[in-house]
């Protein structure tokens, strides 16, 4: 027996979104032909002049924020008052495929889980090198291994039962910008016994116009928060889809390669060590290498090698900084507790 259709609210937070919001909405409208009861809320989160005028004629509701707020705040505002049904969150720079939302909500609709996450597609049409790299990398990360997600979440394309969302009070608005609030929400989902599934065929193209420097800054910023979230909530790094054991080993191999290369400048005996550790890194990332080669050819694959290697070094930096900050925080907290328990006379 087919489950009754649940109401759907699609929330699209929009920050600097004038270049991508229209194709995003048009794709959502095309994807929603399978369903009868739905609504689209666009949360204007800043730097979108004339957005209401631009979207005139589209069957959407635009919520204007008084000032720029975090992505978590914008999503929570868009979800306000929606107590039953399924909440779907789509980033304003994502163009979802025709069957994306139908596939995304199906497990929640059929009570197989409480929330789902989608994926970026392999459609590279019209994208720059940086965009292709990021989209293929995300597609690879969220396609591999099992579909069960623990202590993690991803809000570019996702769905969640409205009752569950409201019980957890939505996203944590203490996170600034768009950084870490999704992982933290995933941690709370897991801690409260809710289930999250990765839906591999709920895909969309990512139109964010970033370059290589944007990717490096973004990975560093999000890496720091991911480490902080994992340490503070005492969840394994390997629960994060970006840091499975092979990823952790790849980061270690990249750092050791740099160490051996540096030592080989002083003593050529270390040259073999640098070659061996680089080969180890290459093997750890072999599935990604194959993906990049098949999708972009030799030149694209060659360019991705250096970028991937650099990003693994950045991931190591994030882990080191994260552990140091966590240790200093514990020491500071302990000292404050000692002061409270043993006040000076």
C-alpha atoms as a PDB file:
ATOM      1  CA  UNK A   1       0.000   0.000   0.000  1.00  0.00           C
ATOM      2  CA  UNK A   2       1.409   3.390  -1.028  1.00  0.00           C
ATOM      3  CA  UNK A   3       2.014   5.860   1.777  1.00  0.00           C
ATOM      4  CA  UNK A   4      -0.110   8.991   1.774  1.00  0.00           C
ATOM      5  CA  UNK A   5       1.660  12.013   0.336  1.00  0.00           C
ATOM      6  CA  UNK A   6       3.005  14.352   2.988  1.00  0.00           C
ATOM      7  CA  UNK A   7       3.070  18.116   2.574  1.00  0.00           C
ATOM      8  CA  UNK A   8       6.430  19.452   1.414  1.00  0.00           C
ATOM      9  CA  UNK A   9       8.025  22.813   2.083  1.00  0.00           C
ATOM     10  CA  UNK A  10      11.137  23.609   0.054  1.00  0.00           C
ATOM     11  CA  UNK A  11      13.348  26.188   1.767  1.00  0.00           C
ATOM     12  CA  UNK A  12      16.014  27.964  -0.283  1.00  0.00           C
ATOM     13  CA  UNK A  13      18.306  30.328   1.661  1.00  0.00           C
ATOM     14  CA  UNK A  14      19.575  33.030  -0.686  1.00  0.00           C
ATOM     15  CA  UNK A  15      22.785  34.987  -0.045  1.00  0.00           C
ATOM     16  CA  UNK A  16      24.400  36.733  -3.027  1.00  0.00           C
ATOM     17  CA  UNK A  17      22.180  34.511  -5.134  1.00  0.00           C
ATOM     18  CA  UNK A  18      21.065  36.684  -8.055  1.00  0.00           C
ATOM     19  CA  UNK A  19      23.122  34.753 -10.627  1.00  0.00           C
ATOM     20  CA  UNK A  20      21.814  31.310  -9.666  1.00  0.00           C
ATOM     21  CA  UNK A  21      18.430  31.676  -7.943  1.00  0.00           C
ATOM     22  CA  UNK A  22      16.293  31.569 -11.098  1.00  0.00           C
ATOM     23  CA  UNK A  23      17.718  28.331 -12.555  1.00  0.00           C
ATOM     24  CA  UNK A  24      17.559  26.888  -9.033  1.00  0.00           C
ATOM     25  CA  UNK A  25      13.837  27.675  -8.673  1.00  0.00           C
ATOM     26  CA  UNK A  26      12.994  26.578 -12.214  1.00  0.00           C
ATOM     27  CA  UNK A  27      14.665  23.213 -11.594  1.00  0.00           C
ATOM     28  CA  UNK A  28      12.731  22.785  -8.327  1.00  0.00           C
ATOM     29  CA  UNK A  29       9.444  23.594 -10.067  1.00  0.00           C
ATOM     30  CA  UNK A  30      10.158  21.021 -12.763  1.00  0.00           C
ATOM     31  CA  UNK A  31      11.113  18.467 -10.111  1.00  0.00           C
ATOM     32  CA  UNK A  32       7.877  18.972  -8.137  1.00  0.00           C
ATOM     33  CA  UNK A  33       5.454  17.849 -10.846  1.00  0.00           C
ATOM     34  CA  UNK A  34       5.200  14.456  -9.104  1.00  0.00           C
ATOM     35  CA  UNK A  35       3.634  15.968  -5.973  1.00  0.00           C
ATOM     36  CA  UNK A  36       0.432  17.871  -5.229  1.00  0.00           C
ATOM     37  CA  UNK A  37       0.906  19.658  -1.903  1.00  0.00           C
ATOM     38  CA  UNK A  38       4.045  21.776  -1.732  1.00  0.00           C
ATOM     39  CA  UNK A  39       5.334  25.316  -1.292  1.00  0.00           C
ATOM     40  CA  UNK A  40       8.634  27.105  -1.912  1.00  0.00           C
ATOM     41  CA  UNK A  41      10.063  29.670   0.513  1.00  0.00           C
ATOM     42  CA  UNK A  42      13.018  31.801  -0.514  1.00  0.00           C
ATOM     43  CA  UNK A  43      14.784  33.329   2.485  1.00  0.00           C
ATOM     44  CA  UNK A  44      16.527  36.520   1.328  1.00  0.00           C
ATOM     45  CA  UNK A  45      19.604  36.436   3.529  1.00  0.00           C
ATOM     46  CA  UNK A  46      21.334  39.503   2.122  1.00  0.00           C
ATOM     47  CA  UNK A  47      23.005  41.134  -0.882  1.00  0.00           C
ATOM     48  CA  UNK A  48      20.176  40.318  -3.294  1.00  0.00           C
ATOM     49  CA  UNK A  49      19.002  43.704  -4.638  1.00  0.00           C
ATOM     50  CA  UNK A  50      15.606  43.566  -6.376  1.00  0.00           C
ATOM     51  CA  UNK A  51      15.170  39.887  -5.572  1.00  0.00           C
ATOM     52  CA  UNK A  52      11.391  40.199  -5.124  1.00  0.00           C
ATOM     53  CA  UNK A  53      11.076  41.921  -8.493  1.00  0.00           C
ATOM     54  CA  UNK A  54      13.293  39.298 -10.153  1.00  0.00           C
ATOM     55  CA  UNK A  55      11.143  36.459  -8.800  1.00  0.00           C
ATOM     56  CA  UNK A  56       7.816  38.064  -9.646  1.00  0.00           C
ATOM     57  CA  UNK A  57       5.751  35.504 -11.521  1.00  0.00           C
ATOM     58  CA  UNK A  58       7.306  32.498  -9.798  1.00  0.00           C
ATOM     59  CA  UNK A  59       5.040  30.589  -7.358  1.00  0.00           C
ATOM     60  CA  UNK A  60       7.313  31.295  -4.396  1.00  0.00           C
ATOM     61  CA  UNK A  61       7.177  33.219  -1.125  1.00  0.00           C
ATOM     62  CA  UNK A  62      10.137  35.498  -0.391  1.00  0.00           C
ATOM     63  CA  UNK A  63      11.050  36.145   3.251  1.00  0.00           C
ATOM     64  CA  UNK A  64      13.264  39.189   3.709  1.00  0.00           C
ATOM     65  CA  UNK A  65      15.701  39.236   6.641  1.00  0.00           C
ATOM     66  CA  UNK A  66      16.335  42.581   8.321  1.00  0.00           C
ATOM     67  CA  UNK A  67      20.074  41.917   8.285  1.00  0.00           C
ATOM     68  CA  UNK A  68      22.501  39.281   7.058  1.00  0.00           C
ATOM     69  CA  UNK A  69      22.225  36.197   9.229  1.00  0.00           C
ATOM     70  CA  UNK A  70      23.790  32.750   9.213  1.00  0.00           C
ATOM     71  CA  UNK A  71      22.662  29.984   6.877  1.00  0.00           C
ATOM     72  CA  UNK A  72      21.341  28.150   9.955  1.00  0.00           C
ATOM     73  CA  UNK A  73      19.190  31.145  10.889  1.00  0.00           C
ATOM     74  CA  UNK A  74      17.863  31.479   7.337  1.00  0.00           C
ATOM     75  CA  UNK A  75      16.876  27.814   7.151  1.00  0.00           C
ATOM     76  CA  UNK A  76      15.189  27.975  10.552  1.00  0.00           C
ATOM     77  CA  UNK A  77      13.217  31.036   9.464  1.00  0.00           C
ATOM     78  CA  UNK A  78      12.093  29.249   6.329  1.00  0.00           C
ATOM     79  CA  UNK A  79      10.980  26.243   8.377  1.00  0.00           C
ATOM     80  CA  UNK A  80       8.997  28.270  10.936  1.00  0.00           C
ATOM     81  CA  UNK A  81       5.391  27.189  11.363  1.00  0.00           C
ATOM     82  CA  UNK A  82       5.787  24.027   9.290  1.00  0.00           C
ATOM     83  CA  UNK A  83       5.025  21.355  11.872  1.00  0.00           C
ATOM     84  CA  UNK A  84       4.006  18.335   9.786  1.00  0.00           C
ATOM     85  CA  UNK A  85       5.273  16.936   6.510  1.00  0.00           C
ATOM     86  CA  UNK A  86       8.746  17.014   4.979  1.00  0.00           C
ATOM     87  CA  UNK A  87      11.178  19.933   4.914  1.00  0.00           C
ATOM     88  CA  UNK A  88      13.457  20.067   1.892  1.00  0.00           C
ATOM     89  CA  UNK A  89      16.484  22.360   1.898  1.00  0.00           C
ATOM     90  CA  UNK A  90      18.139  23.279  -1.395  1.00  0.00           C
ATOM     91  CA  UNK A  91      21.038  25.722  -1.730  1.00  0.00           C
ATOM     92  CA  UNK A  92      20.381  28.642  -4.047  1.00  0.00           C
ATOM     93  CA  UNK A  93      23.325  27.691  -6.281  1.00  0.00           C
ATOM     94  CA  UNK A  94      22.108  24.120  -6.870  1.00  0.00           C
ATOM     95  CA  UNK A  95      20.154  23.085  -9.972  1.00  0.00           C
ATOM     96  CA  UNK A  96      18.493  19.813  -9.037  1.00  0.00           C
ATOM     97  CA  UNK A  97      17.742  17.094 -11.561  1.00  0.00           C
ATOM     98  CA  UNK A  98      14.189  16.161 -12.588  1.00  0.00           C
ATOM     99  CA  UNK A  99      13.842  13.240 -10.164  1.00  0.00           C
ATOM    100  CA  UNK A 100      16.041  14.687  -7.408  1.00  0.00           C
ATOM    101  CA  UNK A 101      13.396  15.730  -4.872  1.00  0.00           C
ATOM    102  CA  UNK A 102      11.186  12.709  -5.519  1.00  0.00           C
ATOM    103  CA  UNK A 103      14.112  10.381  -4.807  1.00  0.00           C
ATOM    104  CA  UNK A 104      15.227  12.527  -1.865  1.00  0.00           C
ATOM    105  CA  UNK A 105      11.940  12.428   0.046  1.00  0.00           C
ATOM    106  CA  UNK A 106      10.913   8.853  -0.789  1.00  0.00           C
ATOM    107  CA  UNK A 107      12.703   7.212   2.185  1.00  0.00           C
ATOM    108  CA  UNK A 108      11.229   9.798   4.594  1.00  0.00           C
ATOM    109  CA  UNK A 109       7.811   9.536   2.953  1.00  0.00           C
ATOM    110  CA  UNK A 110       7.870   5.753   3.422  1.00  0.00           C
ATOM    111  CA  UNK A 111       9.094   6.025   7.042  1.00  0.00           C
ATOM    112  CA  UNK A 112      12.399   4.324   6.255  1.00  0.00           C
ATOM    113  CA  UNK A 113      14.377   7.124   7.900  1.00  0.00           C
ATOM    114  CA  UNK A 114      13.991  10.560   9.481  1.00  0.00           C
ATOM    115  CA  UNK A 115      16.220  12.552   7.130  1.00  0.00           C
ATOM    116  CA  UNK A 116      18.095  12.218   3.851  1.00  0.00           C
ATOM    117  CA  UNK A 117      20.938  13.914   2.017  1.00  0.00           C
ATOM    118  CA  UNK A 118      21.406  14.088  -1.731  1.00  0.00           C
ATOM    119  CA  UNK A 119      24.513  14.590  -3.832  1.00  0.00           C
ATOM    120  CA  UNK A 120      26.060  16.694  -6.562  1.00  0.00           C
ATOM    121  CA  UNK A 121      25.729  15.260 -10.045  1.00  0.00           C
ATOM    122  CA  UNK A 122      28.454  14.337 -12.528  1.00  0.00           C
ATOM    123  CA  UNK A 123      27.074  16.842 -15.026  1.00  0.00           C
ATOM    124  CA  UNK A 124      30.121  19.031 -15.779  1.00  0.00           C
ATOM    125  CA  UNK A 125      28.559  21.086 -18.571  1.00  0.00           C
ATOM    126  CA  UNK A 126      29.598  24.739 -18.451  1.00  0.00           C
ATOM    127  CA  UNK A 127      31.708  24.433 -15.295  1.00  0.00           C
ATOM    128  CA  UNK A 128      35.235  25.731 -14.688  1.00  0.00           C
ATOM    129  CA  UNK A 129      38.100  23.506 -13.510  1.00  0.00           C
ATOM    130  CA  UNK A 130      37.524  24.441  -9.847  1.00  0.00           C
ATOM    131  CA  UNK A 131      33.791  23.825 -10.088  1.00  0.00           C
ATOM    132  CA  UNK A 132      34.337  20.462 -11.788  1.00  0.00           C
ATOM    133  CA  UNK A 133      36.845  19.413  -9.140  1.00  0.00           C
ATOM    134  CA  UNK A 134      34.595  20.326  -6.212  1.00  0.00           C
ATOM    135  CA  UNK A 135      31.470  18.805  -7.728  1.00  0.00           C
ATOM    136  CA  UNK A 136      33.185  15.519  -8.627  1.00  0.00           C
ATOM    137  CA  UNK A 137      34.879  15.349  -5.224  1.00  0.00           C
ATOM    138  CA  UNK A 138      31.578  15.782  -3.357  1.00  0.00           C
ATOM    139  CA  UNK A 139      29.853  13.313  -5.675  1.00  0.00           C
ATOM    140  CA  UNK A 140      32.562  10.754  -4.954  1.00  0.00           C
ATOM    141  CA  UNK A 141      32.512  11.293  -1.171  1.00  0.00           C
ATOM    142  CA  UNK A 142      28.737  10.939  -0.856  1.00  0.00           C
ATOM    143  CA  UNK A 143      28.478   8.024  -3.294  1.00  0.00           C
ATOM    144  CA  UNK A 144      30.936   5.654  -1.686  1.00  0.00           C
ATOM    145  CA  UNK A 145      30.374   3.033   0.993  1.00  0.00           C
ATOM    146  CA  UNK A 146      27.035   2.594   2.772  1.00  0.00           C
ATOM    147  CA  UNK A 147      23.962   4.800   2.695  1.00  0.00           C
ATOM    148  CA  UNK A 148      23.631   5.127   6.491  1.00  0.00           C
ATOM    149  CA  UNK A 149      24.937   8.436   7.836  1.00  0.00           C
ATOM    150  CA  UNK A 150      26.015   8.875  11.460  1.00  0.00           C
ATOM    151  CA  UNK A 151      26.961  12.129  13.184  1.00  0.00           C
ATOM    152  CA  UNK A 152      26.941  14.054   9.914  1.00  0.00           C
ATOM    153  CA  UNK A 153      24.585  15.931   7.588  1.00  0.00           C
ATOM    154  CA  UNK A 154      24.782  17.948   4.369  1.00  0.00           C
ATOM    155  CA  UNK A 155      22.390  20.781   3.592  1.00  0.00           C
ATOM    156  CA  UNK A 156      23.053  21.560  -0.085  1.00  0.00           C
ATOM    157  CA  UNK A 157      20.373  18.981  -0.973  1.00  0.00           C
ATOM    158  CA  UNK A 158      18.569  17.425   1.976  1.00  0.00           C
ATOM    159  CA  UNK A 159      15.216  16.521   3.497  1.00  0.00           C
ATOM    160  CA  UNK A 160      14.061  15.991   7.078  1.00  0.00           C
ATOM    161  CA  UNK A 161      10.794  15.082   8.763  1.00  0.00           C
ATOM    162  CA  UNK A 162       9.311  18.362  10.031  1.00  0.00           C
ATOM    163  CA  UNK A 163       8.395  16.863  13.414  1.00  0.00           C
ATOM    164  CA  UNK A 164      11.989  15.734  13.951  1.00  0.00           C
ATOM    165  CA  UNK A 165      13.339  19.102  12.837  1.00  0.00           C
ATOM    166  CA  UNK A 166      11.129  20.953  15.291  1.00  0.00           C
ATOM    167  CA  UNK A 167      11.886  18.557  18.159  1.00  0.00           C
ATOM    168  CA  UNK A 168      15.570  19.334  17.701  1.00  0.00           C
ATOM    169  CA  UNK A 169      14.847  23.099  17.416  1.00  0.00           C
ATOM    170  CA  UNK A 170      16.357  23.203  13.934  1.00  0.00           C
ATOM    171  CA  UNK A 171      19.900  24.247  13.145  1.00  0.00           C
ATOM    172  CA  UNK A 172      22.208  25.770  15.738  1.00  0.00           C
ATOM    173  CA  UNK A 173      22.360  29.490  14.971  1.00  0.00           C
ATOM    174  CA  UNK A 174      25.581  29.969  16.943  1.00  0.00           C
ATOM    175  CA  UNK A 175      27.422  28.924  13.791  1.00  0.00           C
ATOM    176  CA  UNK A 176      28.318  31.919  11.650  1.00  0.00           C
ATOM    177  CA  UNK A 177      27.935  32.001   7.881  1.00  0.00           C
ATOM    178  CA  UNK A 178      27.468  28.583   6.276  1.00  0.00           C
ATOM    179  CA  UNK A 179      29.939  26.493   8.188  1.00  0.00           C
ATOM    180  CA  UNK A 180      29.534  23.493  10.477  1.00  0.00           C
ATOM    181  CA  UNK A 181      25.872  23.856  11.374  1.00  0.00           C
ATOM    182  CA  UNK A 182      24.933  20.915   9.155  1.00  0.00           C
ATOM    183  CA  UNK A 183      27.431  18.505  10.738  1.00  0.00           C
ATOM    184  CA  UNK A 184      26.337  19.593  14.219  1.00  0.00           C
ATOM    185  CA  UNK A 185      22.692  18.979  13.292  1.00  0.00           C
ATOM    186  CA  UNK A 186      23.689  15.507  12.077  1.00  0.00           C
ATOM    187  CA  UNK A 187      25.388  14.806  15.405  1.00  0.00           C
ATOM    188  CA  UNK A 188      22.196  15.733  17.260  1.00  0.00           C
ATOM    189  CA  UNK A 189      20.140  13.564  14.918  1.00  0.00           C
ATOM    190  CA  UNK A 190      22.312  10.555  15.724  1.00  0.00           C
ATOM    191  CA  UNK A 191      22.460  11.260  19.473  1.00  0.00           C
ATOM    192  CA  UNK A 192      18.667  11.419  19.612  1.00  0.00           C
ATOM    193  CA  UNK A 193      18.243   8.104  17.794  1.00  0.00           C
ATOM    194  CA  UNK A 194      17.136   9.454  14.411  1.00  0.00           C
ATOM    195  CA  UNK A 195      18.305   7.884  11.160  1.00  0.00           C
ATOM    196  CA  UNK A 196      19.824   9.610   8.130  1.00  0.00           C
ATOM    197  CA  UNK A 197      20.241   8.040   4.700  1.00  0.00           C
ATOM    198  CA  UNK A 198      22.398   9.131   1.774  1.00  0.00           C
ATOM    199  CA  UNK A 199      20.354   9.027  -1.447  1.00  0.00           C
ATOM    200  CA  UNK A 200      22.771   8.604  -4.334  1.00  0.00           C
ATOM    201  CA  UNK A 201      20.262   9.372  -7.079  1.00  0.00           C
ATOM    202  CA  UNK A 202      19.037  12.682  -5.606  1.00  0.00           C
ATOM    203  CA  UNK A 203      21.447  14.879  -7.528  1.00  0.00           C
ATOM    204  CA  UNK A 204      21.960  18.466  -8.591  1.00  0.00           C
ATOM    205  CA  UNK A 205      24.554  20.571 -10.388  1.00  0.00           C
ATOM    206  CA  UNK A 206      26.493  23.070  -8.269  1.00  0.00           C
ATOM    207  CA  UNK A 207      26.842  26.525  -9.843  1.00  0.00           C
ATOM    208  CA  UNK A 208      28.943  28.275  -7.187  1.00  0.00           C
ATOM    209  CA  UNK A 209      31.481  30.356  -9.189  1.00  0.00           C
ATOM    210  CA  UNK A 210      34.485  29.698  -6.932  1.00  0.00           C
ATOM    211  CA  UNK A 211      38.125  29.342  -7.919  1.00  0.00           C
ATOM    212  CA  UNK A 212      41.015  27.378  -6.469  1.00  0.00           C
ATOM    213  CA  UNK A 213      41.691  29.895  -3.689  1.00  0.00           C
ATOM    214  CA  UNK A 214      38.026  29.745  -2.688  1.00  0.00           C
ATOM    215  CA  UNK A 215      38.249  25.956  -2.424  1.00  0.00           C
ATOM    216  CA  UNK A 216      41.391  26.174  -0.268  1.00  0.00           C
ATOM    217  CA  UNK A 217      39.891  28.806   2.054  1.00  0.00           C
ATOM    218  CA  UNK A 218      36.590  26.943   2.251  1.00  0.00           C
ATOM    219  CA  UNK A 219      38.228  23.594   3.055  1.00  0.00           C
ATOM    220  CA  UNK A 220      40.409  25.178   5.738  1.00  0.00           C
ATOM    221  CA  UNK A 221      37.483  27.002   7.353  1.00  0.00           C
ATOM    222  CA  UNK A 222      35.159  24.008   7.271  1.00  0.00           C
ATOM    223  CA  UNK A 223      37.942  21.624   8.276  1.00  0.00           C
ATOM    224  CA  UNK A 224      38.564  23.559  11.484  1.00  0.00           C
ATOM    225  CA  UNK A 225      34.874  23.488  12.390  1.00  0.00           C
ATOM    226  CA  UNK A 226      34.537  19.785  11.537  1.00  0.00           C
ATOM    227  CA  UNK A 227      37.425  18.911  13.862  1.00  0.00           C
ATOM    228  CA  UNK A 228      35.990  21.156  16.587  1.00  0.00           C
ATOM    229  CA  UNK A 229      32.518  19.579  16.267  1.00  0.00           C
ATOM    230  CA  UNK A 230      33.933  16.049  16.404  1.00  0.00           C
ATOM    231  CA  UNK A 231      36.150  16.697  19.426  1.00  0.00           C
ATOM    232  CA  UNK A 232      33.598  18.655  21.437  1.00  0.00           C
ATOM    233  CA  UNK A 233      30.866  16.082  20.814  1.00  0.00           C
ATOM    234  CA  UNK A 234      33.238  13.114  21.198  1.00  0.00           C
ATOM    235  CA  UNK A 235      32.297  11.477  17.906  1.00  0.00           C
ATOM    236  CA  UNK A 236      34.752   9.576  15.665  1.00  0.00           C
ATOM    237  CA  UNK A 237      36.393  11.506  12.831  1.00  0.00           C
ATOM    238  CA  UNK A 238      35.534   8.561  10.585  1.00  0.00           C
ATOM    239  CA  UNK A 239      31.793   9.321  10.917  1.00  0.00           C
ATOM    240  CA  UNK A 240      32.414  12.369   8.727  1.00  0.00           C
ATOM    241  CA  UNK A 241      32.054  11.385   5.064  1.00  0.00           C
ATOM    242  CA  UNK A 242      35.239  13.324   4.263  1.00  0.00           C
ATOM    243  CA  UNK A 243      37.430  11.492   6.788  1.00  0.00           C
ATOM    244  CA  UNK A 244      37.091   7.761   6.396  1.00  0.00           C
ATOM    245  CA  UNK A 245      40.157   5.664   7.256  1.00  0.00           C
ATOM    246  CA  UNK A 246      41.555   5.860   3.724  1.00  0.00           C
ATOM    247  CA  UNK A 247      41.221   9.668   3.845  1.00  0.00           C
ATOM    248  CA  UNK A 248      43.020   9.846   7.186  1.00  0.00           C
ATOM    249  CA  UNK A 249      45.806   7.630   5.821  1.00  0.00           C
ATOM    250  CA  UNK A 250      46.039   9.815   2.699  1.00  0.00           C
ATOM    251  CA  UNK A 251      46.502  12.929   4.848  1.00  0.00           C
ATOM    252  CA  UNK A 252      49.220  11.168   6.865  1.00  0.00           C
ATOM    253  CA  UNK A 253      50.979  10.039   3.659  1.00  0.00           C
ATOM    254  CA  UNK A 254      50.879  13.565   2.209  1.00  0.00           C
ATOM    255  CA  UNK A 255      52.484  15.036   5.329  1.00  0.00           C
ATOM    256  CA  UNK A 256      55.147  12.313   5.425  1.00  0.00           C
ATOM    257  CA  UNK A 257      55.917  12.944   1.736  1.00  0.00           C
ATOM    258  CA  UNK A 258      56.664  16.602   2.491  1.00  0.00           C
ATOM    259  CA  UNK A 259      58.741  15.579   5.515  1.00  0.00           C
ATOM    260  CA  UNK A 260      60.837  13.121   3.475  1.00  0.00           C
ATOM    261  CA  UNK A 261      61.257  15.595   0.593  1.00  0.00           C
ATOM    262  CA  UNK A 262      62.559  18.177   3.075  1.00  0.00           C
ATOM    263  CA  UNK A 263      64.950  15.652   4.622  1.00  0.00           C
ATOM    264  CA  UNK A 264      66.132  14.508   1.177  1.00  0.00           C
ATOM    265  CA  UNK A 265      67.400  18.046   0.513  1.00  0.00           C
ATOM    266  CA  UNK A 266      69.824  17.441   3.368  1.00  0.00           C
ATOM    267  CA  UNK A 267      70.459  13.756   2.729  1.00  0.00           C
ATOM    268  CA  UNK A 268      69.653  11.955  -0.524  1.00  0.00           C
ATOM    269  CA  UNK A 269      69.045   8.727   1.394  1.00  0.00           C
ATOM    270  CA  UNK A 270      65.588  10.043   2.263  1.00  0.00           C
ATOM    271  CA  UNK A 271      64.593  10.332  -1.412  1.00  0.00           C
ATOM    272  CA  UNK A 272      63.243   6.784  -1.473  1.00  0.00           C
ATOM    273  CA  UNK A 273      61.069   7.581   1.548  1.00  0.00           C
ATOM    274  CA  UNK A 274      59.497  10.552  -0.232  1.00  0.00           C
ATOM    275  CA  UNK A 275      58.731   8.415  -3.287  1.00  0.00           C
ATOM    276  CA  UNK A 276      57.272   5.606  -1.166  1.00  0.00           C
ATOM    277  CA  UNK A 277      55.008   7.917   0.845  1.00  0.00           C
ATOM    278  CA  UNK A 278      53.813   9.709  -2.296  1.00  0.00           C
ATOM    279  CA  UNK A 279      52.923   6.337  -3.832  1.00  0.00           C
ATOM    280  CA  UNK A 280      51.043   5.478  -0.633  1.00  0.00           C
ATOM    281  CA  UNK A 281      49.137   8.767  -0.884  1.00  0.00           C
ATOM    282  CA  UNK A 282      48.332   8.066  -4.536  1.00  0.00           C
ATOM    283  CA  UNK A 283      47.012   4.593  -3.683  1.00  0.00           C
ATOM    284  CA  UNK A 284      44.854   5.968  -0.853  1.00  0.00           C
ATOM    285  CA  UNK A 285      43.268   8.391  -3.314  1.00  0.00           C
ATOM    286  CA  UNK A 286      43.135   5.957  -6.243  1.00  0.00           C
ATOM    287  CA  UNK A 287      39.335   5.876  -6.483  1.00  0.00           C
ATOM    288  CA  UNK A 288      39.264   9.687  -6.714  1.00  0.00           C
ATOM    289  CA  UNK A 289      42.057   9.648  -9.306  1.00  0.00           C
ATOM    290  CA  UNK A 290      40.039   7.222 -11.419  1.00  0.00           C
ATOM    291  CA  UNK A 291      36.937   9.409 -11.107  1.00  0.00           C
ATOM    292  CA  UNK A 292      38.825  12.531 -12.203  1.00  0.00           C
ATOM    293  CA  UNK A 293      40.552  10.729 -15.074  1.00  0.00           C
ATOM    294  CA  UNK A 294      37.333   9.206 -16.425  1.00  0.00           C
ATOM    295  CA  UNK A 295      35.422  12.483 -16.131  1.00  0.00           C
ATOM    296  CA  UNK A 296      38.010  14.984 -17.343  1.00  0.00           C
ATOM    297  CA  UNK A 297      40.822  13.198 -19.143  1.00  0.00           C
ATOM    298  CA  UNK A 298      44.593  13.390 -18.684  1.00  0.00           C
ATOM    299  CA  UNK A 299      44.971  17.168 -18.387  1.00  0.00           C
ATOM    300  CA  UNK A 300      42.151  17.537 -15.866  1.00  0.00           C
ATOM    301  CA  UNK A 301      43.452  14.555 -13.877  1.00  0.00           C
ATOM    302  CA  UNK A 302      46.990  16.001 -13.793  1.00  0.00           C
ATOM    303  CA  UNK A 303      45.740  19.352 -12.491  1.00  0.00           C
ATOM    304  CA  UNK A 304      43.697  17.675  -9.784  1.00  0.00           C
ATOM    305  CA  UNK A 305      46.755  15.817  -8.422  1.00  0.00           C
ATOM    306  CA  UNK A 306      48.439  18.947  -7.080  1.00  0.00           C
ATOM    307  CA  UNK A 307      45.193  20.421  -5.751  1.00  0.00           C
ATOM    308  CA  UNK A 308      44.243  17.204  -3.935  1.00  0.00           C
ATOM    309  CA  UNK A 309      47.706  16.896  -2.413  1.00  0.00           C
ATOM    310  CA  UNK A 310      47.635  20.509  -1.167  1.00  0.00           C
ATOM    311  CA  UNK A 311      44.153  20.056   0.306  1.00  0.00           C
ATOM    312  CA  UNK A 312      45.301  16.970   2.215  1.00  0.00           C
ATOM    313  CA  UNK A 313      48.078  19.059   3.759  1.00  0.00           C
ATOM    314  CA  UNK A 314      45.471  21.641   4.732  1.00  0.00           C
ATOM    315  CA  UNK A 315      43.351  18.913   6.338  1.00  0.00           C
ATOM    316  CA  UNK A 316      46.322  17.912   8.476  1.00  0.00           C
ATOM    317  CA  UNK A 317      46.778  21.548   9.507  1.00  0.00           C
ATOM    318  CA  UNK A 318      43.103  21.700  10.536  1.00  0.00           C
ATOM    319  CA  UNK A 319      43.482  18.577  12.690  1.00  0.00           C
ATOM    320  CA  UNK A 320      46.603  19.907  14.441  1.00  0.00           C
ATOM    321  CA  UNK A 321      45.037  23.315  15.119  1.00  0.00           C
ATOM    322  CA  UNK A 322      41.802  21.653  16.254  1.00  0.00           C
ATOM    323  CA  UNK A 323      43.549  19.383  18.754  1.00  0.00           C
ATOM    324  CA  UNK A 324      45.668  22.260  20.123  1.00  0.00           C
ATOM    325  CA  UNK A 325      42.619  24.499  20.558  1.00  0.00           C
ATOM    326  CA  UNK A 326      40.659  21.680  22.200  1.00  0.00           C
ATOM    327  CA  UNK A 327      43.542  20.992  24.622  1.00  0.00           C
ATOM    328  CA  UNK A 328      43.904  24.690  25.501  1.00  0.00           C
ATOM    329  CA  UNK A 329      40.148  24.940  26.055  1.00  0.00           C
ATOM    330  CA  UNK A 330      40.233  21.979  28.450  1.00  0.00           C
ATOM    331  CA  UNK A 331      43.150  23.500  30.376  1.00  0.00           C
ATOM    332  CA  UNK A 332      41.392  26.874  30.563  1.00  0.00           C
ATOM    333  CA  UNK A 333      38.144  25.258  31.732  1.00  0.00           C
ATOM    334  CA  UNK A 334      39.995  23.232  34.379  1.00  0.00           C
ATOM    335  CA  UNK A 335      41.758  26.348  35.690  1.00  0.00           C
ATOM    336  CA  UNK A 336      38.464  28.221  35.931  1.00  0.00           C
ATOM    337  CA  UNK A 337      36.905  25.324  37.849  1.00  0.00           C
ATOM    338  CA  UNK A 338      39.862  25.292  40.240  1.00  0.00           C
ATOM    339  CA  UNK A 339      39.447  29.024  40.840  1.00  0.00           C
ATOM    340  CA  UNK A 340      35.746  28.560  41.592  1.00  0.00           C
ATOM    341  CA  UNK A 341      36.341  25.613  43.955  1.00  0.00           C
ATOM    342  CA  UNK A 342      39.345  27.241  45.676  1.00  0.00           C
ATOM    343  CA  UNK A 343      38.697  31.000  45.763  1.00  0.00           C
ATOM    344  CA  UNK A 344      41.457  33.152  47.201  1.00  0.00           C
ATOM    345  CA  UNK A 345      40.788  34.637  50.630  1.00  0.00           C
END
